[in-house]
């Protein structure tokens, strides 16, 4: 994956998180924890996963969602799903 593609994935992930959680994108870094730092709950996590599936045309298995704890986890997970298709 090119650097531009990786940056694009990160940008889309951050846009989805800021929209769903109504937070400022400046608060988001790779180690930002959705629940501890941003106050997300399990419904928020599910909504984010659904938006990621729509945006990237991927299927995120339900058992993968609990592993998407930080912004970095989500970017890595999306990149893995994109590489697997």
PDB file of N, CA and C in Angstrom:
ATOM      1  N   UNK A   1       0.850  -1.179   0.000  1.00  0.00           N
ATOM      2  CA  UNK A   1       0.000   0.000   0.000  1.00  0.00           C
ATOM      3  C   UNK A   1       0.893   1.238   0.000  1.00  0.00           C
ATOM      4  N   UNK A   2       0.547   2.186  -0.814  1.00  0.00           N
ATOM      5  CA  UNK A   2       1.328   3.407  -0.898  1.00  0.00           C
ATOM      6  C   UNK A   2       1.098   4.277   0.337  1.00  0.00           C
ATOM      7  N   UNK A   3       2.021   5.203   0.540  1.00  0.00           N
ATOM      8  CA  UNK A   3       1.892   6.118   1.673  1.00  0.00           C
ATOM      9  C   UNK A   3       0.622   6.941   1.532  1.00  0.00           C
ATOM     10  N   UNK A   4       0.308   7.350   0.297  1.00  0.00           N
ATOM     11  CA  UNK A   4      -0.898   8.143   0.057  1.00  0.00           C
ATOM     12  C   UNK A   4      -2.157   7.347   0.390  1.00  0.00           C
ATOM     13  N   UNK A   5      -2.173   6.070   0.026  1.00  0.00           N
ATOM     14  CA  UNK A   5      -3.332   5.227   0.330  1.00  0.00           C
ATOM     15  C   UNK A   5      -3.486   5.047   1.831  1.00  0.00           C
ATOM     16  N   UNK A   6      -2.373   4.836   2.525  1.00  0.00           N
ATOM     17  CA  UNK A   6      -2.414   4.673   3.986  1.00  0.00           C
ATOM     18  C   UNK A   6      -2.916   5.953   4.650  1.00  0.00           C
ATOM     19  N   UNK A   7      -2.450   7.106   4.165  1.00  0.00           N
ATOM     20  CA  UNK A   7      -2.912   8.379   4.722  1.00  0.00           C
ATOM     21  C   UNK A   7      -4.393   8.592   4.431  1.00  0.00           C
ATOM     22  N   UNK A   8      -4.851   8.141   3.270  1.00  0.00           N
ATOM     23  CA  UNK A   8      -6.252   8.262   2.915  1.00  0.00           C
ATOM     24  C   UNK A   8      -7.123   7.430   3.856  1.00  0.00           C
ATOM     25  N   UNK A   9      -6.697   6.205   4.154  1.00  0.00           N
ATOM     26  CA  UNK A   9      -7.426   5.351   5.096  1.00  0.00           C
ATOM     27  C   UNK A   9      -7.508   6.041   6.450  1.00  0.00           C
ATOM     28  N   UNK A  10      -6.401   6.558   6.921  1.00  0.00           N
ATOM     29  CA  UNK A  10      -6.385   7.229   8.217  1.00  0.00           C
ATOM     30  C   UNK A  10      -7.312   8.448   8.220  1.00  0.00           C
ATOM     31  N   UNK A  11      -7.308   9.202   7.157  1.00  0.00           N
ATOM     32  CA  UNK A  11      -8.166  10.379   7.062  1.00  0.00           C
ATOM     33  C   UNK A  11      -9.641   9.996   7.101  1.00  0.00           C
ATOM     34  N   UNK A  12     -10.022   8.975   6.351  1.00  0.00           N
ATOM     35  CA  UNK A  12     -11.421   8.535   6.335  1.00  0.00           C
ATOM     36  C   UNK A  12     -11.820   8.001   7.710  1.00  0.00           C
ATOM     37  N   UNK A  13     -10.945   7.216   8.334  1.00  0.00           N
ATOM     38  CA  UNK A  13     -11.227   6.683   9.675  1.00  0.00           C
ATOM     39  C   UNK A  13     -11.454   7.841  10.650  1.00  0.00           C
ATOM     40  N   UNK A  14     -10.580   8.820  10.625  1.00  0.00           N
ATOM     41  CA  UNK A  14     -10.719   9.960  11.544  1.00  0.00           C
ATOM     42  C   UNK A  14     -11.998  10.743  11.257  1.00  0.00           C
ATOM     43  N   UNK A  15     -12.333  10.901   9.991  1.00  0.00           N
ATOM     44  CA  UNK A  15     -13.571  11.620   9.650  1.00  0.00           C
ATOM     45  C   UNK A  15     -14.797  10.892  10.189  1.00  0.00           C
ATOM     46  N   UNK A  16     -14.802   9.570  10.067  1.00  0.00           N
ATOM     47  CA  UNK A  16     -15.929   8.787  10.585  1.00  0.00           C
ATOM     48  C   UNK A  16     -16.018   8.920  12.100  1.00  0.00           C
ATOM     49  N   UNK A  17     -14.885   8.832  12.781  1.00  0.00           N
ATOM     50  CA  UNK A  17     -14.885   8.939  14.246  1.00  0.00           C
ATOM     51  C   UNK A  17     -15.351  10.324  14.684  1.00  0.00           C
ATOM     52  N   UNK A  18     -14.841  11.366  14.042  1.00  0.00           N
ATOM     53  CA  UNK A  18     -15.253  12.719  14.446  1.00  0.00           C
ATOM     54  C   UNK A  18     -16.739  12.937  14.210  1.00  0.00           C
ATOM     55  N   UNK A  19     -17.270  12.390  13.131  1.00  0.00           N
ATOM     56  CA  UNK A  19     -18.692  12.540  12.838  1.00  0.00           C
ATOM     57  C   UNK A  19     -19.546  11.752  13.832  1.00  0.00           C
ATOM     58  N   UNK A  20     -19.183  10.503  14.066  1.00  0.00           N
ATOM     59  CA  UNK A  20     -19.987   9.655  14.959  1.00  0.00           C
ATOM     60  C   UNK A  20     -19.934  10.113  16.416  1.00  0.00           C
ATOM     61  N   UNK A  21     -18.744  10.527  16.871  1.00  0.00           N
ATOM     62  CA  UNK A  21     -18.588  10.874  18.287  1.00  0.00           C
ATOM     63  C   UNK A  21     -18.654  12.368  18.550  1.00  0.00           C
ATOM     64  N   UNK A  22     -18.771  13.141  17.464  1.00  0.00           N
ATOM     65  CA  UNK A  22     -18.847  14.603  17.585  1.00  0.00           C
ATOM     66  C   UNK A  22     -17.669  15.148  18.402  1.00  0.00           C
ATOM     67  N   UNK A  23     -16.473  14.770  17.974  1.00  0.00           N
ATOM     68  CA  UNK A  23     -15.258  15.259  18.620  1.00  0.00           C
ATOM     69  C   UNK A  23     -14.402  15.986  17.592  1.00  0.00           C
ATOM     70  N   UNK A  24     -13.502  16.811  18.074  1.00  0.00           N
ATOM     71  CA  UNK A  24     -12.583  17.551  17.222  1.00  0.00           C
ATOM     72  C   UNK A  24     -11.497  16.611  16.718  1.00  0.00           C
ATOM     73  N   UNK A  25     -11.204  16.668  15.434  1.00  0.00           N
ATOM     74  CA  UNK A  25     -10.204  15.765  14.847  1.00  0.00           C
ATOM     75  C   UNK A  25      -8.823  15.968  15.451  1.00  0.00           C
ATOM     76  N   UNK A  26      -8.564  17.133  16.023  1.00  0.00           N
ATOM     77  CA  UNK A  26      -7.272  17.385  16.657  1.00  0.00           C
ATOM     78  C   UNK A  26      -7.071  16.518  17.901  1.00  0.00           C
ATOM     79  N   UNK A  27      -8.128  15.976  18.444  1.00  0.00           N
ATOM     80  CA  UNK A  27      -8.033  15.092  19.614  1.00  0.00           C
ATOM     81  C   UNK A  27      -7.620  13.677  19.227  1.00  0.00           C
ATOM     82  N   UNK A  28      -7.602  13.375  17.925  1.00  0.00           N
ATOM     83  CA  UNK A  28      -7.367  12.009  17.475  1.00  0.00           C
ATOM     84  C   UNK A  28      -5.919  11.775  17.083  1.00  0.00           C
ATOM     85  N   UNK A  29      -5.296  10.837  17.771  1.00  0.00           N
ATOM     86  CA  UNK A  29      -3.965  10.362  17.423  1.00  0.00           C
ATOM     87  C   UNK A  29      -4.012   8.853  17.406  1.00  0.00           C
ATOM     88  N   UNK A  30      -2.946   8.193  16.990  1.00  0.00           N
ATOM     89  CA  UNK A  30      -2.963   6.731  16.912  1.00  0.00           C
ATOM     90  C   UNK A  30      -3.288   6.048  18.248  1.00  0.00           C
ATOM     91  N   UNK A  31      -2.905   6.654  19.361  1.00  0.00           N
ATOM     92  CA  UNK A  31      -3.132   6.031  20.666  1.00  0.00           C
ATOM     93  C   UNK A  31      -4.426   6.479  21.339  1.00  0.00           C
ATOM     94  N   UNK A  32      -5.204   7.323  20.666  1.00  0.00           N
ATOM     95  CA  UNK A  32      -6.460   7.799  21.254  1.00  0.00           C
ATOM     96  C   UNK A  32      -7.427   6.633  21.389  1.00  0.00           C
ATOM     97  N   UNK A  33      -7.856   6.376  22.630  1.00  0.00           N
ATOM     98  CA  UNK A  33      -8.763   5.264  22.941  1.00  0.00           C
ATOM     99  C   UNK A  33     -10.200   5.764  22.806  1.00  0.00           C
ATOM    100  N   UNK A  34     -10.992   5.051  22.016  1.00  0.00           N
ATOM    101  CA  UNK A  34     -12.354   5.500  21.756  1.00  0.00           C
ATOM    102  C   UNK A  34     -13.187   5.613  23.023  1.00  0.00           C
ATOM    103  N   UNK A  35     -13.074   4.645  23.894  1.00  0.00           N
ATOM    104  CA  UNK A  35     -13.926   4.655  25.082  1.00  0.00           C
ATOM    105  C   UNK A  35     -13.319   5.489  26.208  1.00  0.00           C
ATOM    106  N   UNK A  36     -12.048   5.257  26.506  1.00  0.00           N
ATOM    107  CA  UNK A  36     -11.417   5.961  27.629  1.00  0.00           C
ATOM    108  C   UNK A  36     -11.203   7.438  27.354  1.00  0.00           C
ATOM    109  N   UNK A  37     -10.778   7.761  26.138  1.00  0.00           N
ATOM    110  CA  UNK A  37     -10.446   9.149  25.830  1.00  0.00           C
ATOM    111  C   UNK A  37     -11.598   9.947  25.227  1.00  0.00           C
ATOM    112  N   UNK A  38     -12.476   9.257  24.485  1.00  0.00           N
ATOM    113  CA  UNK A  38     -13.528   9.964  23.752  1.00  0.00           C
ATOM    114  C   UNK A  38     -14.937   9.675  24.263  1.00  0.00           C
ATOM    115  N   UNK A  39     -15.063   8.773  25.230  1.00  0.00           N
ATOM    116  CA  UNK A  39     -16.368   8.499  25.821  1.00  0.00           C
ATOM    117  C   UNK A  39     -17.300   7.659  24.972  1.00  0.00           C
ATOM    118  N   UNK A  40     -16.757   6.929  24.004  1.00  0.00           N
ATOM    119  CA  UNK A  40     -17.593   6.078  23.150  1.00  0.00           C
ATOM    120  C   UNK A  40     -18.132   4.895  23.954  1.00  0.00           C
ATOM    121  N   UNK A  41     -19.274   4.381  23.519  1.00  0.00           N
ATOM    122  CA  UNK A  41     -19.816   3.166  24.116  1.00  0.00           C
ATOM    123  C   UNK A  41     -19.914   2.093  23.032  1.00  0.00           C
ATOM    124  N   UNK A  42     -20.467   0.942  23.382  1.00  0.00           N
ATOM    125  CA  UNK A  42     -20.508  -0.168  22.430  1.00  0.00           C
ATOM    126  C   UNK A  42     -21.372   0.149  21.207  1.00  0.00           C
ATOM    127  N   UNK A  43     -22.430   0.921  21.382  1.00  0.00           N
ATOM    128  CA  UNK A  43     -23.258   1.315  20.245  1.00  0.00           C
ATOM    129  C   UNK A  43     -22.473   2.238  19.302  1.00  0.00           C
ATOM    130  N   UNK A  44     -21.705   3.151  19.879  1.00  0.00           N
ATOM    131  CA  UNK A  44     -20.854   4.013  19.060  1.00  0.00           C
ATOM    132  C   UNK A  44     -19.863   3.170  18.257  1.00  0.00           C
ATOM    133  N   UNK A  45     -19.261   2.172  18.907  1.00  0.00           N
ATOM    134  CA  UNK A  45     -18.296   1.306  18.224  1.00  0.00           C
ATOM    135  C   UNK A  45     -18.955   0.568  17.065  1.00  0.00           C
ATOM    136  N   UNK A  46     -20.165   0.095  17.280  1.00  0.00           N
ATOM    137  CA  UNK A  46     -20.894  -0.600  16.219  1.00  0.00           C
ATOM    138  C   UNK A  46     -21.209   0.344  15.057  1.00  0.00           C
ATOM    139  N   UNK A  47     -21.655   1.552  15.374  1.00  0.00           N
ATOM    140  CA  UNK A  47     -21.946   2.537  14.328  1.00  0.00           C
ATOM    141  C   UNK A  47     -20.695   2.892  13.538  1.00  0.00           C
ATOM    142  N   UNK A  48     -19.565   3.033  14.219  1.00  0.00           N
ATOM    143  CA  UNK A  48     -18.305   3.325  13.537  1.00  0.00           C
ATOM    144  C   UNK A  48     -17.946   2.167  12.616  1.00  0.00           C
ATOM    145  N   UNK A  49     -18.090   0.938  13.102  1.00  0.00           N
ATOM    146  CA  UNK A  49     -17.784  -0.237  12.276  1.00  0.00           C
ATOM    147  C   UNK A  49     -18.669  -0.281  11.032  1.00  0.00           C
ATOM    148  N   UNK A  50     -19.946   0.019  11.184  1.00  0.00           N
ATOM    149  CA  UNK A  50     -20.854   0.030  10.034  1.00  0.00           C
ATOM    150  C   UNK A  50     -20.461   1.099   9.018  1.00  0.00           C
ATOM    151  N   UNK A  51     -20.093   2.252   9.508  1.00  0.00           N
ATOM    152  CA  UNK A  51     -19.653   3.336   8.607  1.00  0.00           C
ATOM    153  C   UNK A  51     -18.359   2.957   7.893  1.00  0.00           C
ATOM    154  N   UNK A  52     -17.448   2.263   8.608  1.00  0.00           N
ATOM    155  CA  UNK A  52     -16.201   1.806   7.983  1.00  0.00           C
ATOM    156  C   UNK A  52     -16.495   0.807   6.879  1.00  0.00           C
ATOM    157  N   UNK A  53     -17.433  -0.102   7.138  1.00  0.00           N
ATOM    158  CA  UNK A  53     -17.805  -1.091   6.122  1.00  0.00           C
ATOM    159  C   UNK A  53     -18.342  -0.403   4.870  1.00  0.00           C
ATOM    160  N   UNK A  54     -19.181   0.597   5.058  1.00  0.00           N
ATOM    161  CA  UNK A  54     -19.739   1.334   3.920  1.00  0.00           C
ATOM    162  C   UNK A  54     -18.652   2.099   3.165  1.00  0.00           C
ATOM    163  N   UNK A  55     -17.795   2.773   3.905  1.00  0.00           N
ATOM    164  CA  UNK A  55     -16.787   3.631   3.283  1.00  0.00           C
ATOM    165  C   UNK A  55     -15.751   2.841   2.496  1.00  0.00           C
ATOM    166  N   UNK A  56     -15.359   1.684   3.048  1.00  0.00           N
ATOM    167  CA  UNK A  56     -14.275   0.921   2.432  1.00  0.00           C
ATOM    168  C   UNK A  56     -14.749  -0.323   1.694  1.00  0.00           C
ATOM    169  N   UNK A  57     -16.062  -0.551   1.688  1.00  0.00           N
ATOM    170  CA  UNK A  57     -16.621  -1.737   1.012  1.00  0.00           C
ATOM    171  C   UNK A  57     -15.975  -3.027   1.526  1.00  0.00           C
ATOM    172  N   UNK A  58     -15.918  -3.126   2.864  1.00  0.00           N
ATOM    173  CA  UNK A  58     -15.360  -4.319   3.512  1.00  0.00           C
ATOM    174  C   UNK A  58     -16.385  -4.868   4.483  1.00  0.00           C
ATOM    175  N   UNK A  59     -16.155  -6.076   4.964  1.00  0.00           N
ATOM    176  CA  UNK A  59     -16.995  -6.680   6.005  1.00  0.00           C
ATOM    177  C   UNK A  59     -16.118  -6.883   7.231  1.00  0.00           C
ATOM    178  N   UNK A  60     -16.497  -6.245   8.318  1.00  0.00           N
ATOM    179  CA  UNK A  60     -15.768  -6.390   9.572  1.00  0.00           C
ATOM    180  C   UNK A  60     -16.519  -7.403  10.425  1.00  0.00           C
ATOM    181  N   UNK A  61     -15.910  -8.558  10.704  1.00  0.00           N
ATOM    182  CA  UNK A  61     -16.587  -9.559  11.530  1.00  0.00           C
ATOM    183  C   UNK A  61     -16.911  -8.989  12.920  1.00  0.00           C
ATOM    184  N   UNK A  62     -18.053  -9.387  13.459  1.00  0.00           N
ATOM    185  CA  UNK A  62     -18.471  -8.883  14.766  1.00  0.00           C
ATOM    186  C   UNK A  62     -17.413  -9.101  15.844  1.00  0.00           C
ATOM    187  N   UNK A  63     -16.674 -10.217  15.750  1.00  0.00           N
ATOM    188  CA  UNK A  63     -15.671 -10.489  16.787  1.00  0.00           C
ATOM    189  C   UNK A  63     -14.424  -9.607  16.640  1.00  0.00           C
ATOM    190  N   UNK A  64     -14.296  -8.880  15.549  1.00  0.00           N
ATOM    191  CA  UNK A  64     -13.175  -7.955  15.368  1.00  0.00           C
ATOM    192  C   UNK A  64     -13.440  -6.599  16.012  1.00  0.00           C
ATOM    193  N   UNK A  65     -14.689  -6.232  16.131  1.00  0.00           N
ATOM    194  CA  UNK A  65     -15.049  -4.896  16.623  1.00  0.00           C
ATOM    195  C   UNK A  65     -14.474  -4.615  18.017  1.00  0.00           C
ATOM    196  N   UNK A  66     -14.529  -5.558  18.967  1.00  0.00           N
ATOM    197  CA  UNK A  66     -13.967  -5.253  20.286  1.00  0.00           C
ATOM    198  C   UNK A  66     -12.454  -5.004  20.277  1.00  0.00           C
ATOM    199  N   UNK A  67     -11.768  -5.408  19.227  1.00  0.00           N
ATOM    200  CA  UNK A  67     -10.320  -5.168  19.151  1.00  0.00           C
ATOM    201  C   UNK A  67      -9.997  -3.788  18.587  1.00  0.00           C
ATOM    202  N   UNK A  68     -10.991  -3.081  18.110  1.00  0.00           N
ATOM    203  CA  UNK A  68     -10.795  -1.733  17.575  1.00  0.00           C
ATOM    204  C   UNK A  68     -10.926  -0.737  18.732  1.00  0.00           C
ATOM    205  N   UNK A  69      -9.887  -0.648  19.541  1.00  0.00           N
ATOM    206  CA  UNK A  69      -9.942   0.174  20.742  1.00  0.00           C
ATOM    207  C   UNK A  69      -9.409   1.585  20.536  1.00  0.00           C
ATOM    208  N   UNK A  70      -8.362   1.701  19.726  1.00  0.00           N
ATOM    209  CA  UNK A  70      -7.752   3.002  19.497  1.00  0.00           C
ATOM    210  C   UNK A  70      -7.870   3.369  18.015  1.00  0.00           C
ATOM    211  N   UNK A  71      -7.593   4.622  17.719  1.00  0.00           N
ATOM    212  CA  UNK A  71      -7.607   5.067  16.325  1.00  0.00           C
ATOM    213  C   UNK A  71      -6.608   4.237  15.525  1.00  0.00           C
ATOM    214  N   UNK A  72      -5.440   3.993  16.091  1.00  0.00           N
ATOM    215  CA  UNK A  72      -4.428   3.183  15.417  1.00  0.00           C
ATOM    216  C   UNK A  72      -4.891   1.765  15.165  1.00  0.00           C
ATOM    217  N   UNK A  73      -5.603   1.170  16.139  1.00  0.00           N
ATOM    218  CA  UNK A  73      -6.158  -0.179  15.957  1.00  0.00           C
ATOM    219  C   UNK A  73      -7.115  -0.214  14.772  1.00  0.00           C
ATOM    220  N   UNK A  74      -7.939   0.809  14.668  1.00  0.00           N
ATOM    221  CA  UNK A  74      -8.932   0.854  13.597  1.00  0.00           C
ATOM    222  C   UNK A  74      -8.252   0.991  12.240  1.00  0.00           C
ATOM    223  N   UNK A  75      -7.286   1.897  12.143  1.00  0.00           N
ATOM    224  CA  UNK A  75      -6.566   2.091  10.876  1.00  0.00           C
ATOM    225  C   UNK A  75      -5.874   0.792  10.469  1.00  0.00           C
ATOM    226  N   UNK A  76      -5.213   0.140  11.420  1.00  0.00           N
ATOM    227  CA  UNK A  76      -4.535  -1.127  11.140  1.00  0.00           C
ATOM    228  C   UNK A  76      -5.537  -2.193  10.696  1.00  0.00           C
ATOM    229  N   UNK A  77      -6.655  -2.282  11.406  1.00  0.00           N
ATOM    230  CA  UNK A  77      -7.677  -3.271  11.072  1.00  0.00           C
ATOM    231  C   UNK A  77      -8.265  -3.053   9.691  1.00  0.00           C
ATOM    232  N   UNK A  78      -8.544  -1.810   9.356  1.00  0.00           N
ATOM    233  CA  UNK A  78      -9.090  -1.511   8.028  1.00  0.00           C
ATOM    234  C   UNK A  78      -8.061  -1.872   6.962  1.00  0.00           C
ATOM    235  N   UNK A  79      -6.816  -1.504   7.175  1.00  0.00           N
ATOM    236  CA  UNK A  79      -5.763  -1.826   6.202  1.00  0.00           C
ATOM    237  C   UNK A  79      -5.633  -3.332   6.021  1.00  0.00           C
ATOM    238  N   UNK A  80      -5.746  -4.099   7.105  1.00  0.00           N
ATOM    239  CA  UNK A  80      -5.676  -5.561   7.014  1.00  0.00           C
ATOM    240  C   UNK A  80      -6.848  -6.115   6.207  1.00  0.00           C
ATOM    241  N   UNK A  81      -8.042  -5.582   6.454  1.00  0.00           N
ATOM    242  CA  UNK A  81      -9.213  -6.042   5.708  1.00  0.00           C
ATOM    243  C   UNK A  81      -9.104  -5.678   4.232  1.00  0.00           C
ATOM    244  N   UNK A  82      -8.561  -4.507   3.937  1.00  0.00           N
ATOM    245  CA  UNK A  82      -8.387  -4.100   2.548  1.00  0.00           C
ATOM    246  C   UNK A  82      -7.350  -4.982   1.846  1.00  0.00           C
ATOM    247  N   UNK A  83      -6.299  -5.326   2.553  1.00  0.00           N
ATOM    248  CA  UNK A  83      -5.240  -6.164   1.968  1.00  0.00           C
ATOM    249  C   UNK A  83      -5.725  -7.592   1.721  1.00  0.00           C
ATOM    250  N   UNK A  84      -6.689  -8.033   2.540  1.00  0.00           N
ATOM    251  CA  UNK A  84      -7.173  -9.425   2.439  1.00  0.00           C
ATOM    252  C   UNK A  84      -8.162  -9.643   1.300  1.00  0.00           C
ATOM    253  N   UNK A  85      -8.674  -8.554   0.728  1.00  0.00           N
ATOM    254  CA  UNK A  85      -9.667  -8.758  -0.331  1.00  0.00           C
ATOM    255  C   UNK A  85      -9.073  -8.835  -1.685  1.00  0.00           C
TER     256      UNK A  85
END
